[in-house]
């Protein structure tokens, strides 16, 4: 891992980004004590897992009863108890 001060980082910003895009990590040092305050690393792109169609086909539908309907009366029936 490469280390550089804030001043060096500001002066070489473009080349630092090139290094990070290549996969190198860079640590930024701050102050007279050159205390590490930040680290630049490349962001790894997440790969999506391939979806397998029909994986949950044996579990059935969420609503068992097809005649079930959500009506305003059913939905707000107990709403008066809350107020």
PDB file of N, CA and C in Angstrom:
ATOM      1  N   UNK A   1       0.836  -1.164   0.000  1.00  0.00           N
ATOM      2  CA  UNK A   1       0.000   0.000   0.000  1.00  0.00           C
ATOM      3  C   UNK A   1       0.887   1.235   0.000  1.00  0.00           C
ATOM      4  N   UNK A   2       0.560   2.137  -0.886  1.00  0.00           N
ATOM      5  CA  UNK A   2       1.319   3.379  -1.002  1.00  0.00           C
ATOM      6  C   UNK A   2       0.748   4.409  -0.027  1.00  0.00           C
ATOM      7  N   UNK A   3       1.627   5.246   0.539  1.00  0.00           N
ATOM      8  CA  UNK A   3       1.200   6.314   1.441  1.00  0.00           C
ATOM      9  C   UNK A   3       1.643   7.648   0.872  1.00  0.00           C
ATOM     10  N   UNK A   4       0.805   8.671   1.052  1.00  0.00           N
ATOM     11  CA  UNK A   4       1.171  10.013   0.616  1.00  0.00           C
ATOM     12  C   UNK A   4       0.467  11.049   1.471  1.00  0.00           C
ATOM     13  N   UNK A   5       1.091  12.212   1.561  1.00  0.00           N
ATOM     14  CA  UNK A   5       0.508  13.299   2.355  1.00  0.00           C
ATOM     15  C   UNK A   5      -0.611  13.961   1.558  1.00  0.00           C
ATOM     16  N   UNK A   6      -1.381  14.796   2.249  1.00  0.00           N
ATOM     17  CA  UNK A   6      -2.484  15.498   1.601  1.00  0.00           C
ATOM     18  C   UNK A   6      -1.970  16.370   0.458  1.00  0.00           C
ATOM     19  N   UNK A   7      -0.854  17.062   0.667  1.00  0.00           N
ATOM     20  CA  UNK A   7      -0.276  17.909  -0.374  1.00  0.00           C
ATOM     21  C   UNK A   7       0.110  17.123  -1.612  1.00  0.00           C
ATOM     22  N   UNK A   8       0.757  15.971  -1.418  1.00  0.00           N
ATOM     23  CA  UNK A   8       1.122  15.120  -2.553  1.00  0.00           C
ATOM     24  C   UNK A   8      -0.130  14.616  -3.265  1.00  0.00           C
ATOM     25  N   UNK A   9      -1.122  14.263  -2.467  1.00  0.00           N
ATOM     26  CA  UNK A   9      -2.379  13.757  -3.034  1.00  0.00           C
ATOM     27  C   UNK A   9      -3.039  14.819  -3.921  1.00  0.00           C
ATOM     28  N   UNK A  10      -3.089  16.054  -3.415  1.00  0.00           N
ATOM     29  CA  UNK A  10      -3.685  17.140  -4.196  1.00  0.00           C
ATOM     30  C   UNK A  10      -2.902  17.404  -5.479  1.00  0.00           C
ATOM     31  N   UNK A  11      -1.595  17.355  -5.408  1.00  0.00           N
ATOM     32  CA  UNK A  11      -0.760  17.653  -6.571  1.00  0.00           C
ATOM     33  C   UNK A  11      -0.820  16.548  -7.627  1.00  0.00           C
ATOM     34  N   UNK A  12      -1.039  15.308  -7.195  1.00  0.00           N
ATOM     35  CA  UNK A  12      -0.996  14.163  -8.113  1.00  0.00           C
ATOM     36  C   UNK A  12      -2.339  13.448  -8.207  1.00  0.00           C
ATOM     37  N   UNK A  13      -3.425  14.193  -8.074  1.00  0.00           N
ATOM     38  CA  UNK A  13      -4.747  13.588  -7.989  1.00  0.00           C
ATOM     39  C   UNK A  13      -5.056  12.635  -9.140  1.00  0.00           C
ATOM     40  N   UNK A  14      -4.832  13.055 -10.372  1.00  0.00           N
ATOM     41  CA  UNK A  14      -5.143  12.221 -11.536  1.00  0.00           C
ATOM     42  C   UNK A  14      -4.334  10.933 -11.553  1.00  0.00           C
ATOM     43  N   UNK A  15      -3.046  11.035 -11.257  1.00  0.00           N
ATOM     44  CA  UNK A  15      -2.214   9.823 -11.258  1.00  0.00           C
ATOM     45  C   UNK A  15      -2.596   8.904 -10.097  1.00  0.00           C
ATOM     46  N   UNK A  16      -3.038   9.482  -8.986  1.00  0.00           N
ATOM     47  CA  UNK A  16      -3.494   8.669  -7.855  1.00  0.00           C
ATOM     48  C   UNK A  16      -4.734   7.880  -8.250  1.00  0.00           C
ATOM     49  N   UNK A  17      -5.673   8.538  -8.929  1.00  0.00           N
ATOM     50  CA  UNK A  17      -6.865   7.817  -9.386  1.00  0.00           C
ATOM     51  C   UNK A  17      -6.526   6.705 -10.369  1.00  0.00           C
ATOM     52  N   UNK A  18      -5.545   6.941 -11.228  1.00  0.00           N
ATOM     53  CA  UNK A  18      -5.102   5.889 -12.148  1.00  0.00           C
ATOM     54  C   UNK A  18      -4.567   4.685 -11.378  1.00  0.00           C
ATOM     55  N   UNK A  19      -3.781   4.941 -10.346  1.00  0.00           N
ATOM     56  CA  UNK A  19      -3.239   3.857  -9.520  1.00  0.00           C
ATOM     57  C   UNK A  19      -4.355   3.081  -8.827  1.00  0.00           C
ATOM     58  N   UNK A  20      -5.339   3.800  -8.303  1.00  0.00           N
ATOM     59  CA  UNK A  20      -6.453   3.147  -7.606  1.00  0.00           C
ATOM     60  C   UNK A  20      -7.258   2.300  -8.586  1.00  0.00           C
ATOM     61  N   UNK A  21      -7.486   2.808  -9.799  1.00  0.00           N
ATOM     62  CA  UNK A  21      -8.238   2.040 -10.794  1.00  0.00           C
ATOM     63  C   UNK A  21      -7.495   0.774 -11.208  1.00  0.00           C
ATOM     64  N   UNK A  22      -6.182   0.760 -11.076  1.00  0.00           N
ATOM     65  CA  UNK A  22      -5.394  -0.444 -11.371  1.00  0.00           C
ATOM     66  C   UNK A  22      -5.492  -1.469 -10.252  1.00  0.00           C
ATOM     67  N   UNK A  23      -6.035  -1.045  -9.088  1.00  0.00           N
ATOM     68  CA  UNK A  23      -6.206  -1.984  -7.986  1.00  0.00           C
ATOM     69  C   UNK A  23      -5.313  -1.715  -6.797  1.00  0.00           C
ATOM     70  N   UNK A  24      -4.483  -0.687  -6.870  1.00  0.00           N
ATOM     71  CA  UNK A  24      -3.596  -0.361  -5.748  1.00  0.00           C
ATOM     72  C   UNK A  24      -4.347   0.462  -4.702  1.00  0.00           C
ATOM     73  N   UNK A  25      -4.011   0.270  -3.439  1.00  0.00           N
ATOM     74  CA  UNK A  25      -4.587   1.059  -2.361  1.00  0.00           C
ATOM     75  C   UNK A  25      -3.627   2.183  -1.999  1.00  0.00           C
ATOM     76  N   UNK A  26      -4.192   3.335  -1.663  1.00  0.00           N
ATOM     77  CA  UNK A  26      -3.374   4.484  -1.291  1.00  0.00           C
ATOM     78  C   UNK A  26      -3.906   5.053   0.012  1.00  0.00           C
ATOM     79  N   UNK A  27      -2.997   5.252   0.960  1.00  0.00           N
ATOM     80  CA  UNK A  27      -3.351   5.797   2.266  1.00  0.00           C
ATOM     81  C   UNK A  27      -2.955   7.267   2.311  1.00  0.00           C
ATOM     82  N   UNK A  28      -3.871   8.134   2.782  1.00  0.00           N
ATOM     83  CA  UNK A  28      -3.624   9.567   2.849  1.00  0.00           C
ATOM     84  C   UNK A  28      -3.213   9.915   4.278  1.00  0.00           C
ATOM     85  N   UNK A  29      -2.077  10.614   4.407  1.00  0.00           N
ATOM     86  CA  UNK A  29      -1.532  11.006   5.707  1.00  0.00           C
ATOM     87  C   UNK A  29      -1.781  12.492   5.934  1.00  0.00           C
ATOM     88  N   UNK A  30      -2.054  12.876   7.200  1.00  0.00           N
ATOM     89  CA  UNK A  30      -2.414  14.255   7.501  1.00  0.00           C
ATOM     90  C   UNK A  30      -1.589  14.797   8.664  1.00  0.00           C
ATOM     91  N   UNK A  31      -1.203  16.053   8.564  1.00  0.00           N
ATOM     92  CA  UNK A  31      -0.544  16.753   9.661  1.00  0.00           C
ATOM     93  C   UNK A  31       0.940  16.471   9.753  1.00  0.00           C
ATOM     94  N   UNK A  32       1.554  17.126  10.760  1.00  0.00           N
ATOM     95  CA  UNK A  32       2.998  16.931  10.967  1.00  0.00           C
ATOM     96  C   UNK A  32       3.320  15.514  11.410  1.00  0.00           C
ATOM     97  N   UNK A  33       2.410  14.929  12.168  1.00  0.00           N
ATOM     98  CA  UNK A  33       2.620  13.554  12.632  1.00  0.00           C
ATOM     99  C   UNK A  33       2.368  12.534  11.529  1.00  0.00           C
ATOM    100  N   UNK A  34       1.841  13.006  10.392  1.00  0.00           N
ATOM    101  CA  UNK A  34       1.519  12.138   9.252  1.00  0.00           C
ATOM    102  C   UNK A  34       0.653  10.965   9.684  1.00  0.00           C
ATOM    103  N   UNK A  35      -0.430  11.323  10.344  1.00  0.00           N
ATOM    104  CA  UNK A  35      -1.391  10.325  10.824  1.00  0.00           C
ATOM    105  C   UNK A  35      -2.289   9.887   9.660  1.00  0.00           C
ATOM    106  N   UNK A  36      -2.479   8.577   9.456  1.00  0.00           N
ATOM    107  CA  UNK A  36      -3.366   8.105   8.384  1.00  0.00           C
ATOM    108  C   UNK A  36      -4.817   8.506   8.672  1.00  0.00           C
ATOM    109  N   UNK A  37      -5.462   9.164   7.703  1.00  0.00           N
ATOM    110  CA  UNK A  37      -6.841   9.601   7.891  1.00  0.00           C
ATOM    111  C   UNK A  37      -7.793   9.030   6.846  1.00  0.00           C
ATOM    112  N   UNK A  38      -7.279   8.534   5.750  1.00  0.00           N
ATOM    113  CA  UNK A  38      -8.153   7.994   4.706  1.00  0.00           C
ATOM    114  C   UNK A  38      -7.398   6.953   3.901  1.00  0.00           C
ATOM    115  N   UNK A  39      -8.186   6.099   3.250  1.00  0.00           N
ATOM    116  CA  UNK A  39      -7.595   5.086   2.387  1.00  0.00           C
ATOM    117  C   UNK A  39      -8.442   4.986   1.131  1.00  0.00           C
ATOM    118  N   UNK A  40      -7.811   5.050  -0.011  1.00  0.00           N
ATOM    119  CA  UNK A  40      -8.499   4.929  -1.294  1.00  0.00           C
ATOM    120  C   UNK A  40      -8.283   3.526  -1.838  1.00  0.00           C
ATOM    121  N   UNK A  41      -9.384   2.874  -2.169  1.00  0.00           N
ATOM    122  CA  UNK A  41      -9.323   1.545  -2.764  1.00  0.00           C
ATOM    123  C   UNK A  41     -10.305   1.479  -3.921  1.00  0.00           C
ATOM    124  N   UNK A  42     -10.079   0.569  -4.812  1.00  0.00           N
ATOM    125  CA  UNK A  42     -10.963   0.398  -5.953  1.00  0.00           C
ATOM    126  C   UNK A  42     -12.265  -0.240  -5.500  1.00  0.00           C
ATOM    127  N   UNK A  43     -13.369   0.233  -6.043  1.00  0.00           N
ATOM    128  CA  UNK A  43     -14.674  -0.350  -5.740  1.00  0.00           C
ATOM    129  C   UNK A  43     -14.864  -1.557  -6.640  1.00  0.00           C
ATOM    130  N   UNK A  44     -15.102  -2.677  -6.028  1.00  0.00           N
ATOM    131  CA  UNK A  44     -15.346  -3.898  -6.793  1.00  0.00           C
ATOM    132  C   UNK A  44     -16.805  -3.934  -7.220  1.00  0.00           C
ATOM    133  N   UNK A  45     -17.026  -4.202  -8.488  1.00  0.00           N
ATOM    134  CA  UNK A  45     -18.389  -4.281  -8.984  1.00  0.00           C
ATOM    135  C   UNK A  45     -19.023  -5.579  -8.510  1.00  0.00           C
ATOM    136  N   UNK A  46     -20.242  -5.449  -8.019  1.00  0.00           N
ATOM    137  CA  UNK A  46     -20.965  -6.631  -7.547  1.00  0.00           C
ATOM    138  C   UNK A  46     -21.563  -7.352  -8.744  1.00  0.00           C
ATOM    139  N   UNK A  47     -21.454  -8.653  -8.716  1.00  0.00           N
ATOM    140  CA  UNK A  47     -22.058  -9.445  -9.773  1.00  0.00           C
ATOM    141  C   UNK A  47     -23.362 -10.025  -9.250  1.00  0.00           C
ATOM    142  N   UNK A  48     -24.371  -9.959 -10.065  1.00  0.00           N
ATOM    143  CA  UNK A  48     -25.662 -10.512  -9.675  1.00  0.00           C
ATOM    144  C   UNK A  48     -25.634 -12.018  -9.841  1.00  0.00           C
ATOM    145  N   UNK A  49     -26.217 -12.694  -8.862  1.00  0.00           N
ATOM    146  CA  UNK A  49     -26.341 -14.139  -9.003  1.00  0.00           C
ATOM    147  C   UNK A  49     -27.446 -14.437 -10.005  1.00  0.00           C
ATOM    148  N   UNK A  50     -27.232 -15.446 -10.786  1.00  0.00           N
ATOM    149  CA  UNK A  50     -28.230 -15.812 -11.770  1.00  0.00           C
ATOM    150  C   UNK A  50     -29.447 -16.395 -11.061  1.00  0.00           C
ATOM    151  N   UNK A  51     -30.610 -15.875 -11.407  1.00  0.00           N
ATOM    152  CA  UNK A  51     -31.848 -16.314 -10.787  1.00  0.00           C
ATOM    153  C   UNK A  51     -32.297 -17.615 -11.424  1.00  0.00           C
ATOM    154  N   UNK A  52     -32.706 -18.551 -10.578  1.00  0.00           N
ATOM    155  CA  UNK A  52     -33.168 -19.847 -11.064  1.00  0.00           C
ATOM    156  C   UNK A  52     -34.694 -19.811 -11.104  1.00  0.00           C
ATOM    157  N   UNK A  53     -35.306 -19.812 -12.288  1.00  0.00           N
ATOM    158  CA  UNK A  53     -36.765 -19.778 -12.371  1.00  0.00           C
ATOM    159  C   UNK A  53     -37.373 -21.034 -11.759  1.00  0.00           C
ATOM    160  N   UNK A  54     -38.460 -20.866 -11.051  1.00  0.00           N
ATOM    161  CA  UNK A  54     -39.183 -21.997 -10.492  1.00  0.00           C
ATOM    162  C   UNK A  54     -38.604 -22.540  -9.209  1.00  0.00           C
ATOM    163  N   UNK A  55     -37.738 -21.787  -8.554  1.00  0.00           N
ATOM    164  CA  UNK A  55     -37.101 -22.276  -7.338  1.00  0.00           C
ATOM    165  C   UNK A  55     -38.114 -22.519  -6.220  1.00  0.00           C
ATOM    166  N   UNK A  56     -39.144 -21.661  -6.120  1.00  0.00           N
ATOM    167  CA  UNK A  56     -40.141 -21.781  -5.054  1.00  0.00           C
ATOM    168  C   UNK A  56     -41.496 -22.257  -5.566  1.00  0.00           C
ATOM    169  N   UNK A  57     -41.512 -22.979  -6.662  1.00  0.00           N
ATOM    170  CA  UNK A  57     -42.776 -23.391  -7.272  1.00  0.00           C
ATOM    171  C   UNK A  57     -43.602 -24.318  -6.382  1.00  0.00           C
ATOM    172  N   UNK A  58     -42.970 -25.066  -5.500  1.00  0.00           N
ATOM    173  CA  UNK A  58     -43.694 -26.014  -4.652  1.00  0.00           C
ATOM    174  C   UNK A  58     -44.272 -25.367  -3.400  1.00  0.00           C
ATOM    175  N   UNK A  59     -43.998 -24.105  -3.164  1.00  0.00           N
ATOM    176  CA  UNK A  59     -44.480 -23.456  -1.948  1.00  0.00           C
ATOM    177  C   UNK A  59     -45.885 -22.893  -2.092  1.00  0.00           C
ATOM    178  N   UNK A  60     -46.398 -22.781  -3.284  1.00  0.00           N
ATOM    179  CA  UNK A  60     -47.768 -22.330  -3.498  1.00  0.00           C
ATOM    180  C   UNK A  60     -47.901 -20.826  -3.438  1.00  0.00           C
ATOM    181  N   UNK A  61     -49.120 -20.338  -3.746  1.00  0.00           N
ATOM    182  CA  UNK A  61     -49.351 -18.897  -3.734  1.00  0.00           C
ATOM    183  C   UNK A  61     -49.408 -18.355  -2.313  1.00  0.00           C
ATOM    184  N   UNK A  62     -49.208 -17.069  -2.211  1.00  0.00           N
ATOM    185  CA  UNK A  62     -49.228 -16.430  -0.891  1.00  0.00           C
ATOM    186  C   UNK A  62     -50.630 -16.432  -0.316  1.00  0.00           C
ATOM    187  N   UNK A  63     -51.648 -16.098  -1.127  1.00  0.00           N
ATOM    188  CA  UNK A  63     -53.040 -16.108  -0.661  1.00  0.00           C
ATOM    189  C   UNK A  63     -53.657 -17.446  -1.024  1.00  0.00           C
ATOM    190  N   UNK A  64     -54.038 -18.206  -0.020  1.00  0.00           N
ATOM    191  CA  UNK A  64     -54.645 -19.512  -0.250  1.00  0.00           C
ATOM    192  C   UNK A  64     -56.079 -19.364  -0.743  1.00  0.00           C
ATOM    193  N   UNK A  65     -56.818 -18.409  -0.164  1.00  0.00           N
ATOM    194  CA  UNK A  65     -58.217 -18.224  -0.498  1.00  0.00           C
ATOM    195  C   UNK A  65     -58.332 -17.177  -1.596  1.00  0.00           C
ATOM    196  N   UNK A  66     -58.818 -17.594  -2.769  1.00  0.00           N
ATOM    197  CA  UNK A  66     -58.899 -16.674  -3.892  1.00  0.00           C
ATOM    198  C   UNK A  66     -60.014 -15.645  -3.739  1.00  0.00           C
ATOM    199  N   UNK A  67     -60.989 -15.919  -2.838  1.00  0.00           N
ATOM    200  CA  UNK A  67     -62.102 -14.986  -2.658  1.00  0.00           C
ATOM    201  C   UNK A  67     -61.740 -13.851  -1.703  1.00  0.00           C
ATOM    202  N   UNK A  68     -60.543 -13.872  -1.139  1.00  0.00           N
ATOM    203  CA  UNK A  68     -60.140 -12.848  -0.177  1.00  0.00           C
ATOM    204  C   UNK A  68     -59.896 -11.522  -0.884  1.00  0.00           C
ATOM    205  N   UNK A  69     -60.538 -10.462  -0.378  1.00  0.00           N
ATOM    206  CA  UNK A  69     -60.338  -9.120  -0.909  1.00  0.00           C
ATOM    207  C   UNK A  69     -60.070  -8.178   0.242  1.00  0.00           C
ATOM    208  N   UNK A  70     -59.179  -7.234   0.026  1.00  0.00           N
ATOM    209  CA  UNK A  70     -58.931  -6.212   1.035  1.00  0.00           C
ATOM    210  C   UNK A  70     -59.866  -5.055   0.721  1.00  0.00           C
ATOM    211  N   UNK A  71     -60.839  -4.870   1.577  1.00  0.00           N
ATOM    212  CA  UNK A  71     -61.795  -3.779   1.402  1.00  0.00           C
ATOM    213  C   UNK A  71     -61.468  -2.671   2.388  1.00  0.00           C
ATOM    214  N   UNK A  72     -61.908  -1.442   2.119  1.00  0.00           N
ATOM    215  CA  UNK A  72     -61.659  -0.357   3.074  1.00  0.00           C
ATOM    216  C   UNK A  72     -62.258  -0.646   4.454  1.00  0.00           C
ATOM    217  N   UNK A  73     -63.424  -1.309   4.467  1.00  0.00           N
ATOM    218  CA  UNK A  73     -64.038  -1.645   5.756  1.00  0.00           C
ATOM    219  C   UNK A  73     -63.153  -2.597   6.560  1.00  0.00           C
ATOM    220  N   UNK A  74     -62.608  -3.597   5.870  1.00  0.00           N
ATOM    221  CA  UNK A  74     -61.753  -4.556   6.553  1.00  0.00           C
ATOM    222  C   UNK A  74     -60.449  -3.893   6.996  1.00  0.00           C
ATOM    223  N   UNK A  75     -59.899  -3.043   6.144  1.00  0.00           N
ATOM    224  CA  UNK A  75     -58.612  -2.428   6.400  1.00  0.00           C
ATOM    225  C   UNK A  75     -58.688  -1.430   7.554  1.00  0.00           C
ATOM    226  N   UNK A  76     -59.768  -0.615   7.582  1.00  0.00           N
ATOM    227  CA  UNK A  76     -59.870   0.432   8.591  1.00  0.00           C
ATOM    228  C   UNK A  76     -60.848   0.084   9.710  1.00  0.00           C
ATOM    229  N   UNK A  77     -61.210  -1.165   9.853  1.00  0.00           N
ATOM    230  CA  UNK A  77     -62.185  -1.582  10.856  1.00  0.00           C
ATOM    231  C   UNK A  77     -61.753  -1.212  12.272  1.00  0.00           C
ATOM    232  N   UNK A  78     -60.516  -1.478  12.624  1.00  0.00           N
ATOM    233  CA  UNK A  78     -60.036  -1.218  13.983  1.00  0.00           C
ATOM    234  C   UNK A  78     -59.321   0.113  14.093  1.00  0.00           C
ATOM    235  N   UNK A  79     -59.423   0.973  13.097  1.00  0.00           N
ATOM    236  CA  UNK A  79     -58.719   2.241  13.121  1.00  0.00           C
ATOM    237  C   UNK A  79     -59.246   3.161  14.229  1.00  0.00           C
ATOM    238  N   UNK A  80     -60.517   3.065  14.547  1.00  0.00           N
ATOM    239  CA  UNK A  80     -61.085   3.906  15.599  1.00  0.00           C
ATOM    240  C   UNK A  80     -60.506   3.558  16.965  1.00  0.00           C
ATOM    241  N   UNK A  81     -60.096   2.335  17.162  1.00  0.00           N
ATOM    242  CA  UNK A  81     -59.489   1.929  18.432  1.00  0.00           C
ATOM    243  C   UNK A  81     -58.128   2.580  18.634  1.00  0.00           C
ATOM    244  N   UNK A  82     -57.454   2.918  17.548  1.00  0.00           N
ATOM    245  CA  UNK A  82     -56.130   3.495  17.647  1.00  0.00           C
ATOM    246  C   UNK A  82     -56.182   4.991  17.962  1.00  0.00           C
ATOM    247  N   UNK A  83     -57.287   5.634  17.636  1.00  0.00           N
ATOM    248  CA  UNK A  83     -57.370   7.094  17.834  1.00  0.00           C
ATOM    249  C   UNK A  83     -58.051   7.455  19.120  1.00  0.00           C
TER     250      UNK A  83
END
